[in-house]
Protein backbone atom coordinates (compact mmCIF):
# COMPACT_ATOMS: atom_id res chain seq x y z
CA MET A 1 102.32 144.79 155.99
CA LYS A 2 102.17 141.55 154.79
CA LEU A 3 101.80 138.97 158.01
CA ALA A 4 102.51 135.70 158.20
CA ILE A 5 100.78 133.49 160.88
CA ILE A 6 102.27 130.31 162.24
CA GLY A 7 100.72 127.76 164.42
CA ASN A 8 98.56 124.54 164.48
CA SER A 9 95.57 124.45 162.35
CA SER A 10 93.22 123.49 165.35
CA PHE A 11 89.33 124.22 164.44
CA GLY A 12 90.68 126.24 161.31
CA TYR A 13 90.63 129.50 163.67
CA LEU A 14 94.12 130.71 162.15
CA ASP A 15 93.19 130.23 158.40
CA ARG A 16 90.17 132.17 158.96
CA LEU A 17 91.87 135.00 160.88
CA ALA A 18 94.15 135.08 157.44
CA LYS A 19 91.58 135.53 155.92
CA HIS A 20 89.65 138.05 157.85
CA ALA A 21 93.03 140.29 158.32
CA THR A 22 93.78 140.29 154.23
CA ALA A 23 89.72 140.97 153.77
CA ARG A 24 90.75 144.16 156.11
CA GLY A 25 93.70 144.78 154.06
CA ALA A 26 96.41 143.50 155.83
CA PRO A 27 97.84 140.51 153.44
CA THR A 28 97.74 137.54 155.74
CA VAL A 29 98.97 133.56 155.02
CA PHE A 30 98.64 131.25 157.31
CA PHE A 31 101.46 128.21 157.96
CA ASP A 32 100.75 125.16 159.81
CA GLU A 33 103.75 124.12 161.73
CA ARG A 34 102.97 120.65 161.91
CA PRO A 35 104.41 118.72 159.01
CA SER A 36 100.85 116.48 159.21
CA ASN A 37 97.25 117.04 160.97
CA ASP A 38 97.00 113.02 161.24
CA VAL A 39 96.11 111.34 164.96
CA ARG A 40 99.66 109.50 164.70
CA THR A 41 101.76 112.82 164.34
CA LYS A 42 99.61 114.82 166.59
CA LEU A 43 100.06 112.45 169.25
CA LEU A 44 104.18 111.80 168.42
CA LEU A 45 104.62 115.70 168.60
CA ARG A 46 103.10 115.89 172.09
CA LEU A 47 105.41 112.75 173.45
CA PRO A 48 108.65 113.71 174.61
CA PRO A 49 111.61 113.66 174.64
CA LYS A 50 111.50 116.70 172.66
CA ALA A 51 114.25 115.71 170.43
CA ILE A 52 111.35 113.71 168.50
CA VAL A 53 109.38 116.95 168.32
CA HIS A 54 112.56 118.34 166.67
CA ARG A 55 112.78 115.67 164.39
CA ILE A 56 110.15 114.94 163.06
CA GLY A 57 108.94 118.68 162.26
CA GLY A 58 112.44 120.58 162.16
CA ILE A 59 111.92 119.57 158.01
CA HIS A 60 108.53 120.75 157.77
CA ILE A 61 109.38 123.99 159.88
CA ARG A 62 112.51 124.93 157.98
CA GLN A 63 110.80 124.65 154.53
CA VAL A 64 108.02 126.82 156.41
CA CYS A 65 110.60 129.60 157.38
CA GLU A 66 111.97 129.59 154.17
CA ARG A 67 108.67 130.31 152.65
CA ILE A 68 108.01 132.84 154.86
CA LEU A 69 111.80 134.90 154.35
CA ALA A 70 111.25 134.47 150.99
CA GLY A 71 107.62 135.22 150.49
CA GLY A 72 108.72 139.19 151.40
CA PHE A 73 106.63 138.77 155.20
CA THR A 74 107.48 142.34 157.33
CA HIS A 75 105.51 140.19 159.99
CA VAL A 76 105.11 136.62 161.83
CA LEU A 77 102.99 136.33 164.21
CA ILE A 78 103.46 132.69 166.43
CA VAL A 79 100.20 131.41 168.29
CA PHE A 80 100.36 128.37 170.36
CA ALA A 81 103.66 126.89 168.70
CA GLU A 82 104.74 123.42 169.73
CA VAL A 83 107.13 122.66 166.49
CA ILE A 84 109.07 126.13 166.26
CA GLY A 85 112.22 126.18 167.92
CA ALA A 86 114.19 129.11 169.69
CA GLU A 87 116.38 128.67 166.50
CA ASP A 88 114.09 128.88 163.97
CA ILE A 89 112.59 132.09 165.50
CA ARG A 90 115.82 133.86 165.52
CA ARG A 91 116.08 132.90 162.08
CA LEU A 92 112.74 134.37 160.78
CA THR A 93 113.83 137.61 163.15
CA GLY A 94 117.64 138.07 161.88
CA CYS A 95 118.97 138.02 164.93
């Protein structure tokens, strides 16, 4: 099993989770779904309309998906996602 975790990097929780899972024998990598963690980007991602969110984060999340698909990950855990959309999830699952 090789696990990818996608979420936002609030306080480093998910990064630490990935490190602990790897230490226990499940190779795990954390991918931040936000293109940047500066205040401006965080505000833009939380403001309506959602078209802005998908425009700002779309390129970044597509690159994350490509890295996951190319990296041979067998499982993906999405935690409190703000940017990833249904089409990205379908792409990751092959549906």
